[in-house]
C-alpha atoms as a PDB file:
ATOM      1  CA  MET A   1       0.000   0.000   0.000  1.00  0.00           C
ATOM      2  CA  LYS A   2       2.823   2.361   0.877  1.00  0.00           C
ATOM      3  CA  ASP A   3       4.601   1.567  -2.379  1.00  0.00           C
ATOM      4  CA  GLN A   4       1.467   2.278  -4.386  1.00  0.00           C
ATOM      5  CA  GLY A   5       1.133   5.748  -2.833  1.00  0.00           C
ATOM      6  CA  ARG A   6       4.771   6.478  -3.605  1.00  0.00           C
ATOM      7  CA  ARG A   7       4.328   5.274  -7.196  1.00  0.00           C
ATOM      8  CA  LEU A   8       1.271   7.495  -7.629  1.00  0.00           C
ATOM      9  CA  ALA A   9       3.124  10.506  -6.220  1.00  0.00           C
ATOM     10  CA  ILE A  10       5.965   9.886  -8.664  1.00  0.00           C
ATOM     11  CA  LEU A  11       3.519   9.704 -11.578  1.00  0.00           C
ATOM     12  CA  TYR A  12       1.902  13.002 -10.617  1.00  0.00           C
ATOM     13  CA  ALA A  13       5.370  14.544 -10.241  1.00  0.00           C
ATOM     14  CA  ILE A  14       6.203  13.315 -13.734  1.00  0.00           C
ATOM     15  CA  ALA A  15       3.068  15.078 -15.015  1.00  0.00           C
ATOM     16  CA  ILE A  16       4.225  18.329 -13.419  1.00  0.00           C
ATOM     17  CA  LEU A  17       7.804  17.994 -14.685  1.00  0.00           C
ATOM     18  CA  VAL A  18       6.899  17.035 -18.253  1.00  0.00           C
ATOM     19  CA  THR A  19       4.318  19.826 -18.530  1.00  0.00           C
ATOM     20  CA  GLY A  20       6.778  22.305 -17.033  1.00  0.00           C
ATOM     21  CA  GLY A  21       9.387  21.178 -19.532  1.00  0.00           C
ATOM     22  CA  ILE A  22       6.988  21.764 -22.408  1.00  0.00           C
ATOM     23  CA  VAL A  23       6.173  25.252 -21.089  1.00  0.00           C
ATOM     24  CA  LEU A  24       9.895  25.994 -20.830  1.00  0.00           C
ATOM     25  CA  LEU A  25      10.444  24.689 -24.353  1.00  0.00           C
ATOM     26  CA  HIS A  26       7.639  26.923 -25.603  1.00  0.00           C
ATOM     27  CA  VAL A  27       9.070  29.988 -23.867  1.00  0.00           C
ATOM     28  CA  LEU A  28      12.531  29.302 -25.288  1.00  0.00           C
ATOM     29  CA  THR A  29      11.219  28.806 -28.836  1.00  0.00           C
ATOM     30  CA  ARG A  30       8.712  31.664 -28.791  1.00  0.00           C
ATOM     31  CA  ASP A  31      10.682  33.632 -31.400  1.00  0.00           C
ATOM     32  CA  VAL A  32      10.825  30.674 -33.777  1.00  0.00           C
ATOM     33  CA  SER A  33       7.115  29.894 -33.464  1.00  0.00           C
ATOM     34  CA  GLY A  34       6.101  33.517 -33.949  1.00  0.00           C
ATOM     35  CA  GLY A  35       4.628  33.761 -30.462  1.00  0.00           C
ATOM     36  CA  ARG A  36       1.948  31.147 -31.175  1.00  0.00           C
ATOM     37  CA  VAL A  37       1.180  28.406 -28.700  1.00  0.00           C
ATOM     38  CA  LEU A  38       2.061  25.112 -30.358  1.00  0.00           C
ATOM     39  CA  MET A  39      -0.776  22.922 -29.120  1.00  0.00           C
ATOM     40  CA  PRO A  40       0.685  19.569 -30.271  1.00  0.00           C
ATOM     41  CA  LEU A  41       3.541  20.168 -27.836  1.00  0.00           C
ATOM     42  CA  PHE A  42       1.043  20.222 -24.985  1.00  0.00           C
ATOM     43  CA  MET A  43      -0.323  16.815 -26.021  1.00  0.00           C
ATOM     44  CA  THR A  44       3.033  15.221 -25.153  1.00  0.00           C
ATOM     45  CA  PRO A  45       2.673  15.308 -21.347  1.00  0.00           C
ATOM     46  CA  VAL A  46      -0.890  14.024 -21.593  1.00  0.00           C
ATOM     47  CA  ILE A  47       0.150  11.050 -23.714  1.00  0.00           C
ATOM     48  CA  VAL A  48       3.203  10.250 -21.592  1.00  0.00           C
ATOM     49  CA  CYS A  49       1.345  10.465 -18.292  1.00  0.00           C
ATOM     50  CA  ALA A  50      -1.668   8.522 -19.516  1.00  0.00           C
ATOM     51  CA  LEU A  51       0.549   5.738 -20.818  1.00  0.00           C
ATOM     52  CA  LEU A  52       2.650   5.551 -17.663  1.00  0.00           C
ATOM     53  CA  GLY A  53       0.035   6.180 -14.999  1.00  0.00           C
ATOM     54  CA  GLY A  54      -3.417   5.705 -16.404  1.00  0.00           C
ATOM     55  CA  LEU A  55      -6.476   7.882 -15.959  1.00  0.00           C
ATOM     56  CA  GLY A  56      -5.564   9.952 -12.875  1.00  0.00           C
ATOM     57  CA  PRO A  57      -2.141  11.249 -13.960  1.00  0.00           C
ATOM     58  CA  GLY A  58      -3.444  11.622 -17.525  1.00  0.00           C
ATOM     59  CA  LEU A  59      -6.315  13.844 -16.400  1.00  0.00           C
ATOM     60  CA  PHE A  60      -3.948  15.793 -14.145  1.00  0.00           C
ATOM     61  CA  ALA A  61      -1.654  16.374 -17.141  1.00  0.00           C
ATOM     62  CA  ILE A  62      -4.671  17.578 -19.158  1.00  0.00           C
ATOM     63  CA  LEU A  63      -5.514  20.048 -16.398  1.00  0.00           C
ATOM     64  CA  LEU A  64      -1.929  21.322 -16.249  1.00  0.00           C
ATOM     65  CA  ALA A  65      -1.508  21.512 -20.031  1.00  0.00           C
ATOM     66  CA  THR A  66      -4.763  23.385 -20.625  1.00  0.00           C
ATOM     67  CA  SER A  67      -4.019  25.782 -17.782  1.00  0.00           C
ATOM     68  CA  ALA A  68      -0.524  26.448 -19.092  1.00  0.00           C
ATOM     69  CA  SER A  69      -1.645  26.906 -22.696  1.00  0.00           C
ATOM     70  CA  GLY A  70      -4.474  29.190 -21.608  1.00  0.00           C
ATOM     71  CA  TYR A  71      -2.004  31.260 -19.603  1.00  0.00           C
ATOM     72  CA  LEU A  72       0.387  31.488 -22.555  1.00  0.00           C
ATOM     73  CA  LEU A  73      -2.340  32.657 -24.949  1.00  0.00           C
END
């Protein structure tokens, strides 16, 4: 039971880190993309987290990605 909680915490941390990495990548490449938000980039953390962790981390990654893309618009 304790290991399952730790595994779940790691999966949610991965969602935060991958989404944060995509936001950083977007900020660094803003000049190349013309200031547009590249939405396919924000699908990456959702796919990764859903494949690794299932529904919960996948939905959490969706929440983070949509919040970040909405903030960057």
